[in-house]
Amino acid sequence: MIGRFLAGFINFFVGVAELFLGLRVLLRLFGANPENGFVQFIYDSSSVLLEPFRGIFPAKEIANVGVVDFSALFAMLVYALVGLALLALAAWLTPSEVVVKKK
């Protein structure tokens, strides 16, 4: 019961982080207008998630298209791996239900 709750909690927050970072990558890749309200909301929301990873890799500009944000892609990878590690830890810490069959 607790294990399922923890797994759902971890999956929810990792999923939200991945969603915002993924949208950021796509919007920058396709050169979205940063003055647009939705784009600005995504950039502002994902900025907190990206902060520990900012500057690790340079962004690569693609001629006449947009920017590939390698720091955001790396952040997505790290958040996914941390989520998997937390799920494994939650599964290890919470006892599984043992079914006892009566004869």
PDB file of N, CA and C in Angstrom:
ATOM      1  N   MET A   1       0.824  -1.192   0.000  1.00  0.00           N
ATOM      2  CA  MET A   1       0.000   0.000   0.000  1.00  0.00           C
ATOM      3  C   MET A   1       0.870   1.258   0.000  1.00  0.00           C
ATOM      4  N   ILE A   2       1.827   1.325   0.920  1.00  0.00           N
ATOM      5  CA  ILE A   2       2.714   2.478   0.984  1.00  0.00           C
ATOM      6  C   ILE A   2       3.628   2.497  -0.235  1.00  0.00           C
ATOM      7  N   GLY A   3       4.065   1.325  -0.665  1.00  0.00           N
ATOM      8  CA  GLY A   3       4.920   1.224  -1.838  1.00  0.00           C
ATOM      9  C   GLY A   3       4.243   1.754  -3.094  1.00  0.00           C
ATOM     10  N   ARG A   4       2.971   1.450  -3.263  1.00  0.00           N
ATOM     11  CA  ARG A   4       2.228   1.952  -4.411  1.00  0.00           C
ATOM     12  C   ARG A   4       2.098   3.469  -4.358  1.00  0.00           C
ATOM     13  N   PHE A   5       1.838   3.999  -3.157  1.00  0.00           N
ATOM     14  CA  PHE A   5       1.719   5.446  -3.001  1.00  0.00           C
ATOM     15  C   PHE A   5       3.040   6.120  -3.346  1.00  0.00           C
ATOM     16  N   LEU A   6       4.146   5.592  -2.816  1.00  0.00           N
ATOM     17  CA  LEU A   6       5.460   6.170  -3.108  1.00  0.00           C
ATOM     18  C   LEU A   6       5.777   6.102  -4.598  1.00  0.00           C
ATOM     19  N   ALA A   7       5.473   4.971  -5.215  1.00  0.00           N
ATOM     20  CA  ALA A   7       5.728   4.819  -6.651  1.00  0.00           C
ATOM     21  C   ALA A   7       4.911   5.832  -7.450  1.00  0.00           C
ATOM     22  N   GLY A   8       3.660   6.005  -7.102  1.00  0.00           N
ATOM     23  CA  GLY A   8       2.821   6.983  -7.790  1.00  0.00           C
ATOM     24  C   GLY A   8       3.322   8.402  -7.595  1.00  0.00           C
ATOM     25  N   PHE A   9       3.736   8.709  -6.374  1.00  0.00           N
ATOM     26  CA  PHE A   9       4.262  10.026  -6.040  1.00  0.00           C
ATOM     27  C   PHE A   9       5.526  10.316  -6.842  1.00  0.00           C
ATOM     28  N   ILE A  10       6.437   9.373  -6.872  1.00  0.00           N
ATOM     29  CA  ILE A  10       7.695   9.526  -7.613  1.00  0.00           C
ATOM     30  C   ILE A  10       7.415   9.650  -9.108  1.00  0.00           C
ATOM     31  N   ASN A  11       6.578   8.773  -9.636  1.00  0.00           N
ATOM     32  CA  ASN A  11       6.250   8.817 -11.068  1.00  0.00           C
ATOM     33  C   ASN A  11       5.598  10.132 -11.462  1.00  0.00           C
ATOM     34  N   PHE A  12       4.735  10.662 -10.606  1.00  0.00           N
ATOM     35  CA  PHE A  12       4.058  11.925 -10.905  1.00  0.00           C
ATOM     36  C   PHE A  12       5.065  13.058 -11.031  1.00  0.00           C
ATOM     37  N   PHE A  13       5.927  13.196 -10.029  1.00  0.00           N
ATOM     38  CA  PHE A  13       6.850  14.328 -10.041  1.00  0.00           C
ATOM     39  C   PHE A  13       7.932  14.195 -11.114  1.00  0.00           C
ATOM     40  N   VAL A  14       8.405  12.999 -11.357  1.00  0.00           N
ATOM     41  CA  VAL A  14       9.373  12.806 -12.433  1.00  0.00           C
ATOM     42  C   VAL A  14       8.688  13.057 -13.781  1.00  0.00           C
ATOM     43  N   GLY A  15       7.458  12.614 -13.922  1.00  0.00           N
ATOM     44  CA  GLY A  15       6.716  12.853 -15.162  1.00  0.00           C
ATOM     45  C   GLY A  15       6.490  14.325 -15.439  1.00  0.00           C
ATOM     46  N   VAL A  16       6.153  15.089 -14.410  1.00  0.00           N
ATOM     47  CA  VAL A  16       5.955  16.533 -14.574  1.00  0.00           C
ATOM     48  C   VAL A  16       7.276  17.201 -14.966  1.00  0.00           C
ATOM     49  N   ALA A  17       8.363  16.813 -14.298  1.00  0.00           N
ATOM     50  CA  ALA A  17       9.677  17.383 -14.629  1.00  0.00           C
ATOM     51  C   ALA A  17      10.052  17.061 -16.068  1.00  0.00           C
ATOM     52  N   GLU A  18       9.852  15.816 -16.481  1.00  0.00           N
ATOM     53  CA  GLU A  18      10.172  15.404 -17.846  1.00  0.00           C
ATOM     54  C   GLU A  18       9.301  16.146 -18.864  1.00  0.00           C
ATOM     55  N   LEU A  19       8.035  16.350 -18.535  1.00  0.00           N
ATOM     56  CA  LEU A  19       7.122  17.055 -19.433  1.00  0.00           C
ATOM     57  C   LEU A  19       7.586  18.488 -19.657  1.00  0.00           C
ATOM     58  N   PHE A  20       7.870  19.215 -18.581  1.00  0.00           N
ATOM     59  CA  PHE A  20       8.277  20.610 -18.719  1.00  0.00           C
ATOM     60  C   PHE A  20       9.621  20.735 -19.432  1.00  0.00           C
ATOM     61  N   LEU A  21      10.571  19.879 -19.089  1.00  0.00           N
ATOM     62  CA  LEU A  21      11.873  19.936 -19.756  1.00  0.00           C
ATOM     63  C   LEU A  21      11.763  19.523 -21.228  1.00  0.00           C
ATOM     64  N   GLY A  22      10.946  18.515 -21.507  1.00  0.00           N
ATOM     65  CA  GLY A  22      10.744  18.092 -22.893  1.00  0.00           C
ATOM     66  C   GLY A  22      10.096  19.176 -23.739  1.00  0.00           C
ATOM     67  N   LEU A  23       9.104  19.853 -23.165  1.00  0.00           N
ATOM     68  CA  LEU A  23       8.489  20.965 -23.897  1.00  0.00           C
ATOM     69  C   LEU A  23       9.488  22.088 -24.129  1.00  0.00           C
ATOM     70  N   ARG A  24      10.327  22.345 -23.135  1.00  0.00           N
ATOM     71  CA  ARG A  24      11.361  23.380 -23.282  1.00  0.00           C
ATOM     72  C   ARG A  24      12.298  23.031 -24.449  1.00  0.00           C
ATOM     73  N   VAL A  25      12.727  21.772 -24.493  1.00  0.00           N
ATOM     74  CA  VAL A  25      13.629  21.340 -25.570  1.00  0.00           C
ATOM     75  C   VAL A  25      12.949  21.523 -26.929  1.00  0.00           C
ATOM     76  N   LEU A  26      11.706  21.093 -27.054  1.00  0.00           N
ATOM     77  CA  LEU A  26      10.996  21.214 -28.326  1.00  0.00           C
ATOM     78  C   LEU A  26      10.762  22.665 -28.723  1.00  0.00           C
ATOM     79  N   LEU A  27      10.373  23.490 -27.767  1.00  0.00           N
ATOM     80  CA  LEU A  27      10.111  24.895 -28.076  1.00  0.00           C
ATOM     81  C   LEU A  27      11.386  25.615 -28.520  1.00  0.00           C
ATOM     82  N   ARG A  28      12.499  25.328 -27.863  1.00  0.00           N
ATOM     83  CA  ARG A  28      13.771  25.943 -28.266  1.00  0.00           C
ATOM     84  C   ARG A  28      14.242  25.381 -29.604  1.00  0.00           C
ATOM     85  N   LEU A  29      14.013  24.087 -29.818  1.00  0.00           N
ATOM     86  CA  LEU A  29      14.435  23.453 -31.064  1.00  0.00           C
ATOM     87  C   LEU A  29      13.731  24.063 -32.271  1.00  0.00           C
ATOM     88  N   PHE A  30      12.442  24.338 -32.119  1.00  0.00           N
ATOM     89  CA  PHE A  30      11.676  24.889 -33.233  1.00  0.00           C
ATOM     90  C   PHE A  30      11.632  26.405 -33.240  1.00  0.00           C
ATOM     91  N   GLY A  31      12.415  27.039 -32.354  1.00  0.00           N
ATOM     92  CA  GLY A  31      12.533  28.497 -32.364  1.00  0.00           C
ATOM     93  C   GLY A  31      11.269  29.217 -31.960  1.00  0.00           C
ATOM     94  N   ALA A  32      10.576  28.719 -30.931  1.00  0.00           N
ATOM     95  CA  ALA A  32       9.336  29.345 -30.479  1.00  0.00           C
ATOM     96  C   ALA A  32       9.612  30.764 -29.963  1.00  0.00           C
ATOM     97  N   ASN A  33       8.648  31.628 -30.130  1.00  0.00           N
ATOM     98  CA  ASN A  33       8.753  33.018 -29.708  1.00  0.00           C
ATOM     99  C   ASN A  33       8.728  33.100 -28.175  1.00  0.00           C
ATOM    100  N   PRO A  34       9.825  33.535 -27.533  1.00  0.00           N
ATOM    101  CA  PRO A  34       9.858  33.592 -26.067  1.00  0.00           C
ATOM    102  C   PRO A  34       8.944  34.662 -25.485  1.00  0.00           C
ATOM    103  N   GLU A  35       8.404  35.527 -26.312  1.00  0.00           N
ATOM    104  CA  GLU A  35       7.470  36.556 -25.834  1.00  0.00           C
ATOM    105  C   GLU A  35       6.047  36.017 -25.687  1.00  0.00           C
ATOM    106  N   ASN A  36       5.779  34.855 -26.276  1.00  0.00           N
ATOM    107  CA  ASN A  36       4.469  34.225 -26.176  1.00  0.00           C
ATOM    108  C   ASN A  36       4.230  33.779 -24.744  1.00  0.00           C
ATOM    109  N   GLY A  37       3.021  33.940 -24.248  1.00  0.00           N
ATOM    110  CA  GLY A  37       2.697  33.617 -22.866  1.00  0.00           C
ATOM    111  C   GLY A  37       2.927  32.167 -22.501  1.00  0.00           C
ATOM    112  N   PHE A  38       2.504  31.256 -23.367  1.00  0.00           N
ATOM    113  CA  PHE A  38       2.691  29.826 -23.087  1.00  0.00           C
ATOM    114  C   PHE A  38       4.169  29.464 -23.068  1.00  0.00           C
ATOM    115  N   VAL A  39       4.907  29.949 -24.045  1.00  0.00           N
ATOM    116  CA  VAL A  39       6.339  29.653 -24.129  1.00  0.00           C
ATOM    117  C   VAL A  39       7.053  30.215 -22.910  1.00  0.00           C
ATOM    118  N   GLN A  40       6.696  31.421 -22.534  1.00  0.00           N
ATOM    119  CA  GLN A  40       7.299  32.040 -21.355  1.00  0.00           C
ATOM    120  C   GLN A  40       6.983  31.238 -20.087  1.00  0.00           C
ATOM    121  N   PHE A  41       5.754  30.737 -19.978  1.00  0.00           N
ATOM    122  CA  PHE A  41       5.366  29.908 -18.826  1.00  0.00           C
ATOM    123  C   PHE A  41       6.207  28.631 -18.765  1.00  0.00           C
ATOM    124  N   ILE A  42       6.394  27.977 -19.903  1.00  0.00           N
ATOM    125  CA  ILE A  42       7.203  26.751 -19.944  1.00  0.00           C
ATOM    126  C   ILE A  42       8.651  27.061 -19.585  1.00  0.00           C
ATOM    127  N   TYR A  43       9.202  28.132 -20.125  1.00  0.00           N
ATOM    128  CA  TYR A  43      10.586  28.497 -19.817  1.00  0.00           C
ATOM    129  C   TYR A  43      10.752  28.835 -18.336  1.00  0.00           C
ATOM    130  N   ASP A  44       9.811  29.577 -17.781  1.00  0.00           N
ATOM    131  CA  ASP A  44       9.891  29.942 -16.362  1.00  0.00           C
ATOM    132  C   ASP A  44       9.746  28.716 -15.461  1.00  0.00           C
ATOM    133  N   SER A  45       8.812  27.839 -15.802  1.00  0.00           N
ATOM    134  CA  SER A  45       8.563  26.645 -14.986  1.00  0.00           C
ATOM    135  C   SER A  45       9.731  25.668 -15.039  1.00  0.00           C
ATOM    136  N   SER A  46      10.335  25.525 -16.194  1.00  0.00           N
ATOM    137  CA  SER A  46      11.430  24.570 -16.330  1.00  0.00           C
ATOM    138  C   SER A  46      12.771  25.147 -15.894  1.00  0.00           C
ATOM    139  N   SER A  47      12.833  26.439 -15.710  1.00  0.00           N
ATOM    140  CA  SER A  47      14.088  27.080 -15.307  1.00  0.00           C
ATOM    141  C   SER A  47      14.582  26.564 -13.959  1.00  0.00           C
ATOM    142  N   VAL A  48      13.662  26.343 -13.028  1.00  0.00           N
ATOM    143  CA  VAL A  48      14.031  25.823 -11.704  1.00  0.00           C
ATOM    144  C   VAL A  48      14.595  24.411 -11.827  1.00  0.00           C
ATOM    145  N   LEU A  49      13.995  23.604 -12.677  1.00  0.00           N
ATOM    146  CA  LEU A  49      14.458  22.232 -12.881  1.00  0.00           C
ATOM    147  C   LEU A  49      15.810  22.189 -13.578  1.00  0.00           C
ATOM    148  N   LEU A  50      16.069  23.167 -14.410  1.00  0.00           N
ATOM    149  CA  LEU A  50      17.284  23.185 -15.209  1.00  0.00           C
ATOM    150  C   LEU A  50      18.465  23.805 -14.476  1.00  0.00           C
ATOM    151  N   GLU A  51      18.203  24.543 -13.409  1.00  0.00           N
ATOM    152  CA  GLU A  51      19.246  25.318 -12.735  1.00  0.00           C
ATOM    153  C   GLU A  51      20.484  24.496 -12.348  1.00  0.00           C
ATOM    154  N   PRO A  52      20.358  23.308 -11.755  1.00  0.00           N
ATOM    155  CA  PRO A  52      21.575  22.559 -11.398  1.00  0.00           C
ATOM    156  C   PRO A  52      22.407  22.113 -12.603  1.00  0.00           C
ATOM    157  N   PHE A  53      21.816  22.121 -13.774  1.00  0.00           N
ATOM    158  CA  PHE A  53      22.477  21.596 -14.969  1.00  0.00           C
ATOM    159  C   PHE A  53      22.884  22.690 -15.952  1.00  0.00           C
ATOM    160  N   ARG A  54      22.523  23.923 -15.645  1.00  0.00           N
ATOM    161  CA  ARG A  54      22.798  25.037 -16.547  1.00  0.00           C
ATOM    162  C   ARG A  54      24.311  25.212 -16.727  1.00  0.00           C
ATOM    163  N   GLY A  55      24.728  25.306 -17.961  1.00  0.00           N
ATOM    164  CA  GLY A  55      26.126  25.547 -18.259  1.00  0.00           C
ATOM    165  C   GLY A  55      26.987  24.302 -18.366  1.00  0.00           C
ATOM    166  N   ILE A  56      26.424  23.129 -18.122  1.00  0.00           N
ATOM    167  CA  ILE A  56      27.226  21.905 -18.257  1.00  0.00           C
ATOM    168  C   ILE A  56      27.620  21.704 -19.716  1.00  0.00           C
ATOM    169  N   PHE A  57      26.656  21.851 -20.600  1.00  0.00           N
ATOM    170  CA  PHE A  57      26.902  21.710 -22.028  1.00  0.00           C
ATOM    171  C   PHE A  57      26.463  22.989 -22.728  1.00  0.00           C
ATOM    172  N   PRO A  58      27.168  23.380 -23.766  1.00  0.00           N
ATOM    173  CA  PRO A  58      26.718  24.563 -24.518  1.00  0.00           C
ATOM    174  C   PRO A  58      25.510  24.217 -25.386  1.00  0.00           C
ATOM    175  N   ALA A  59      24.637  25.192 -25.556  1.00  0.00           N
ATOM    176  CA  ALA A  59      23.518  25.014 -26.474  1.00  0.00           C
ATOM    177  C   ALA A  59      24.060  25.147 -27.893  1.00  0.00           C
ATOM    178  N   LYS A  60      23.548  24.333 -28.782  1.00  0.00           N
ATOM    179  CA  LYS A  60      24.017  24.335 -30.173  1.00  0.00           C
ATOM    180  C   LYS A  60      22.932  24.943 -31.049  1.00  0.00           C
ATOM    181  N   GLU A  61      23.282  26.025 -31.726  1.00  0.00           N
ATOM    182  CA  GLU A  61      22.323  26.682 -32.605  1.00  0.00           C
ATOM    183  C   GLU A  61      22.333  26.015 -33.978  1.00  0.00           C
ATOM    184  N   ILE A  62      21.145  25.721 -34.465  1.00  0.00           N
ATOM    185  CA  ILE A  62      20.994  25.127 -35.788  1.00  0.00           C
ATOM    186  C   ILE A  62      20.559  26.256 -36.728  1.00  0.00           C
ATOM    187  N   ALA A  63      21.271  26.411 -37.815  1.00  0.00           N
ATOM    188  CA  ALA A  63      21.022  27.516 -38.735  1.00  0.00           C
ATOM    189  C   ALA A  63      19.566  27.564 -39.184  1.00  0.00           C
ATOM    190  N   ASN A  64      18.954  28.715 -39.003  1.00  0.00           N
ATOM    191  CA  ASN A  64      17.588  29.017 -39.468  1.00  0.00           C
ATOM    192  C   ASN A  64      16.507  28.127 -38.850  1.00  0.00           C
ATOM    193  N   VAL A  65      16.823  27.408 -37.767  1.00  0.00           N
ATOM    194  CA  VAL A  65      15.807  26.550 -37.168  1.00  0.00           C
ATOM    195  C   VAL A  65      15.604  26.923 -35.707  1.00  0.00           C
ATOM    196  N   GLY A  66      16.546  26.594 -34.854  1.00  0.00           N
ATOM    197  CA  GLY A  66      16.403  26.838 -33.432  1.00  0.00           C
ATOM    198  C   GLY A  66      17.656  26.442 -32.692  1.00  0.00           C
ATOM    199  N   VAL A  67      17.469  26.047 -31.445  1.00  0.00           N
ATOM    200  CA  VAL A  67      18.589  25.732 -30.570  1.00  0.00           C
ATOM    201  C   VAL A  67      18.372  24.358 -29.951  1.00  0.00           C
ATOM    202  N   VAL A  68      19.431  23.548 -29.924  1.00  0.00           N
ATOM    203  CA  VAL A  68      19.389  22.273 -29.214  1.00  0.00           C
ATOM    204  C   VAL A  68      19.970  22.530 -27.827  1.00  0.00           C
ATOM    205  N   ASP A  69      19.147  22.365 -26.816  1.00  0.00           N
ATOM    206  CA  ASP A  69      19.546  22.631 -25.433  1.00  0.00           C
ATOM    207  C   ASP A  69      20.026  21.325 -24.796  1.00  0.00           C
ATOM    208  N   PHE A  70      21.339  21.072 -24.906  1.00  0.00           N
ATOM    209  CA  PHE A  70      21.893  19.825 -24.399  1.00  0.00           C
ATOM    210  C   PHE A  70      21.832  19.742 -22.868  1.00  0.00           C
ATOM    211  N   SER A  71      21.878  20.876 -22.196  1.00  0.00           N
ATOM    212  CA  SER A  71      21.756  20.865 -20.735  1.00  0.00           C
ATOM    213  C   SER A  71      20.380  20.362 -20.311  1.00  0.00           C
ATOM    214  N   ALA A  72      19.342  20.773 -21.030  1.00  0.00           N
ATOM    215  CA  ALA A  72      17.986  20.307 -20.718  1.00  0.00           C
ATOM    216  C   ALA A  72      17.844  18.817 -21.024  1.00  0.00           C
ATOM    217  N   LEU A  73      18.448  18.364 -22.113  1.00  0.00           N
ATOM    218  CA  LEU A  73      18.405  16.935 -22.428  1.00  0.00           C
ATOM    219  C   LEU A  73      19.132  16.117 -21.366  1.00  0.00           C
ATOM    220  N   PHE A  74      20.278  16.622 -20.901  1.00  0.00           N
ATOM    221  CA  PHE A  74      21.017  15.948 -19.838  1.00  0.00           C
ATOM    222  C   PHE A  74      20.207  15.945 -18.541  1.00  0.00           C
ATOM    223  N   ALA A  75      19.539  17.061 -18.242  1.00  0.00           N
ATOM    224  CA  ALA A  75      18.694  17.135 -17.048  1.00  0.00           C
ATOM    225  C   ALA A  75      17.578  16.101 -17.113  1.00  0.00           C
ATOM    226  N   MET A  76      16.980  15.921 -18.286  1.00  0.00           N
ATOM    227  CA  MET A  76      15.930  14.913 -18.446  1.00  0.00           C
ATOM    228  C   MET A  76      16.469  13.518 -18.153  1.00  0.00           C
ATOM    229  N   LEU A  77      17.662  13.231 -18.646  1.00  0.00           N
ATOM    230  CA  LEU A  77      18.282  11.934 -18.397  1.00  0.00           C
ATOM    231  C   LEU A  77      18.540  11.735 -16.904  1.00  0.00           C
ATOM    232  N   VAL A  78      19.084  12.745 -16.249  1.00  0.00           N
ATOM    233  CA  VAL A  78      19.397  12.629 -14.822  1.00  0.00           C
ATOM    234  C   VAL A  78      18.117  12.461 -14.000  1.00  0.00           C
ATOM    235  N   TYR A  79      17.080  13.262 -14.297  1.00  0.00           N
ATOM    236  CA  TYR A  79      15.829  13.125 -13.546  1.00  0.00           C
ATOM    237  C   TYR A  79      15.204  11.740 -13.747  1.00  0.00           C
ATOM    238  N   ALA A  80      15.298  11.201 -14.953  1.00  0.00           N
ATOM    239  CA  ALA A  80      14.767   9.857 -15.203  1.00  0.00           C
ATOM    240  C   ALA A  80      15.542   8.811 -14.408  1.00  0.00           C
ATOM    241  N   LEU A  81      16.869   8.923 -14.378  1.00  0.00           N
ATOM    242  CA  LEU A  81      17.684   7.965 -13.626  1.00  0.00           C
ATOM    243  C   LEU A  81      17.463   8.086 -12.126  1.00  0.00           C
ATOM    244  N   VAL A  82      17.337   9.313 -11.635  1.00  0.00           N
ATOM    245  CA  VAL A  82      17.049   9.509 -10.203  1.00  0.00           C
ATOM    246  C   VAL A  82      15.676   8.939  -9.872  1.00  0.00           C
ATOM    247  N   GLY A  83      14.697   9.125 -10.762  1.00  0.00           N
ATOM    248  CA  GLY A  83      13.372   8.554 -10.549  1.00  0.00           C
ATOM    249  C   GLY A  83      13.411   7.039 -10.484  1.00  0.00           C
ATOM    250  N   LEU A  84      14.165   6.432 -11.386  1.00  0.00           N
ATOM    251  CA  LEU A  84      14.295   4.974 -11.365  1.00  0.00           C
ATOM    252  C   LEU A  84      14.976   4.497 -10.084  1.00  0.00           C
ATOM    253  N   ALA A  85      15.998   5.220  -9.654  1.00  0.00           N
ATOM    254  CA  ALA A  85      16.688   4.849  -8.412  1.00  0.00           C
ATOM    255  C   ALA A  85      15.758   4.987  -7.211  1.00  0.00           C
ATOM    256  N   LEU A  86      14.951   6.039  -7.188  1.00  0.00           N
ATOM    257  CA  LEU A  86      14.005   6.214  -6.081  1.00  0.00           C
ATOM    258  C   LEU A  86      12.923   5.138  -6.096  1.00  0.00           C
ATOM    259  N   LEU A  87      12.482   4.746  -7.289  1.00  0.00           N
ATOM    260  CA  LEU A  87      11.498   3.661  -7.385  1.00  0.00           C
ATOM    261  C   LEU A  87      12.087   2.345  -6.879  1.00  0.00           C
ATOM    262  N   ALA A  88      13.343   2.075  -7.233  1.00  0.00           N
ATOM    263  CA  ALA A  88      13.995   0.853  -6.755  1.00  0.00           C
ATOM    264  C   ALA A  88      14.166   0.899  -5.239  1.00  0.00           C
ATOM    265  N   LEU A  89      14.518   2.069  -4.713  1.00  0.00           N
ATOM    266  CA  LEU A  89      14.665   2.220  -3.265  1.00  0.00           C
ATOM    267  C   LEU A  89      13.329   2.040  -2.555  1.00  0.00           C
ATOM    268  N   ALA A  90      12.271   2.606  -3.110  1.00  0.00           N
ATOM    269  CA  ALA A  90      10.942   2.456  -2.510  1.00  0.00           C
ATOM    270  C   ALA A  90      10.504   0.999  -2.533  1.00  0.00           C
ATOM    271  N   ALA A  91      10.790   0.294  -3.618  1.00  0.00           N
ATOM    272  CA  ALA A  91      10.425  -1.124  -3.696  1.00  0.00           C
ATOM    273  C   ALA A  91      11.227  -1.955  -2.698  1.00  0.00           C
ATOM    274  N   TRP A  92      12.475  -1.581  -2.478  1.00  0.00           N
ATOM    275  CA  TRP A  92      13.325  -2.313  -1.542  1.00  0.00           C
ATOM    276  C   TRP A  92      12.918  -2.041  -0.084  1.00  0.00           C
ATOM    277  N   LEU A  93      12.509  -0.805   0.212  1.00  0.00           N
ATOM    278  CA  LEU A  93      12.168  -0.435   1.586  1.00  0.00           C
ATOM    279  C   LEU A  93      10.774  -0.878   2.020  1.00  0.00           C
ATOM    280  N   THR A  94       9.867  -1.027   1.077  1.00  0.00           N
ATOM    281  CA  THR A  94       8.501  -1.418   1.425  1.00  0.00           C
ATOM    282  C   THR A  94       8.347  -2.915   1.229  1.00  0.00           C
ATOM    283  N   PRO A  95       7.891  -3.590   2.235  1.00  0.00           N
ATOM    284  CA  PRO A  95       7.736  -5.049   2.109  1.00  0.00           C
ATOM    285  C   PRO A  95       6.612  -5.384   1.128  1.00  0.00           C
ATOM    286  N   SER A  96       6.862  -6.413   0.366  1.00  0.00           N
ATOM    287  CA  SER A  96       5.824  -6.848  -0.562  1.00  0.00           C
ATOM    288  C   SER A  96       4.792  -7.669   0.203  1.00  0.00           C
ATOM    289  N   GLU A  97       3.598  -7.689  -0.344  1.00  0.00           N
ATOM    290  CA  GLU A  97       2.546  -8.456   0.311  1.00  0.00           C
ATOM    291  C   GLU A  97       2.752  -9.948   0.034  1.00  0.00           C
ATOM    292  N   VAL A  98       2.742 -10.691   1.077  1.00  0.00           N
ATOM    293  CA  VAL A  98       2.950 -12.132   0.964  1.00  0.00           C
ATOM    294  C   VAL A  98       1.584 -12.790   1.036  1.00  0.00           C
ATOM    295  N   VAL A  99       1.309 -13.612   0.054  1.00  0.00           N
ATOM    296  CA  VAL A  99       0.045 -14.325   0.013  1.00  0.00           C
ATOM    297  C   VAL A  99       0.275 -15.710   0.606  1.00  0.00           C
ATOM    298  N   VAL A 100      -0.472 -16.006   1.658  1.00  0.00           N
ATOM    299  CA  VAL A 100      -0.351 -17.314   2.311  1.00  0.00           C
ATOM    300  C   VAL A 100      -1.570 -18.133   1.924  1.00  0.00           C
ATOM    301  N   LYS A 101      -1.321 -19.286   1.340  1.00  0.00           N
ATOM    302  CA  LYS A 101      -2.415 -20.167   0.940  1.00  0.00           C
ATOM    303  C   LYS A 101      -2.692 -21.157   2.077  1.00  0.00           C
ATOM    304  N   LYS A 102      -3.955 -21.276   2.395  1.00  0.00           N
ATOM    305  CA  LYS A 102      -4.363 -22.245   3.415  1.00  0.00           C
ATOM    306  C   LYS A 102      -4.726 -23.541   2.722  1.00  0.00           C
ATOM    307  N   LYS A 103      -4.342 -24.644   3.365  1.00  0.00           N
ATOM    308  CA  LYS A 103      -4.671 -25.955   2.797  1.00  0.00           C
ATOM    309  C   LYS A 103      -5.920 -26.481   3.391  1.00  0.00           C
TER     310      LYS A 103
END
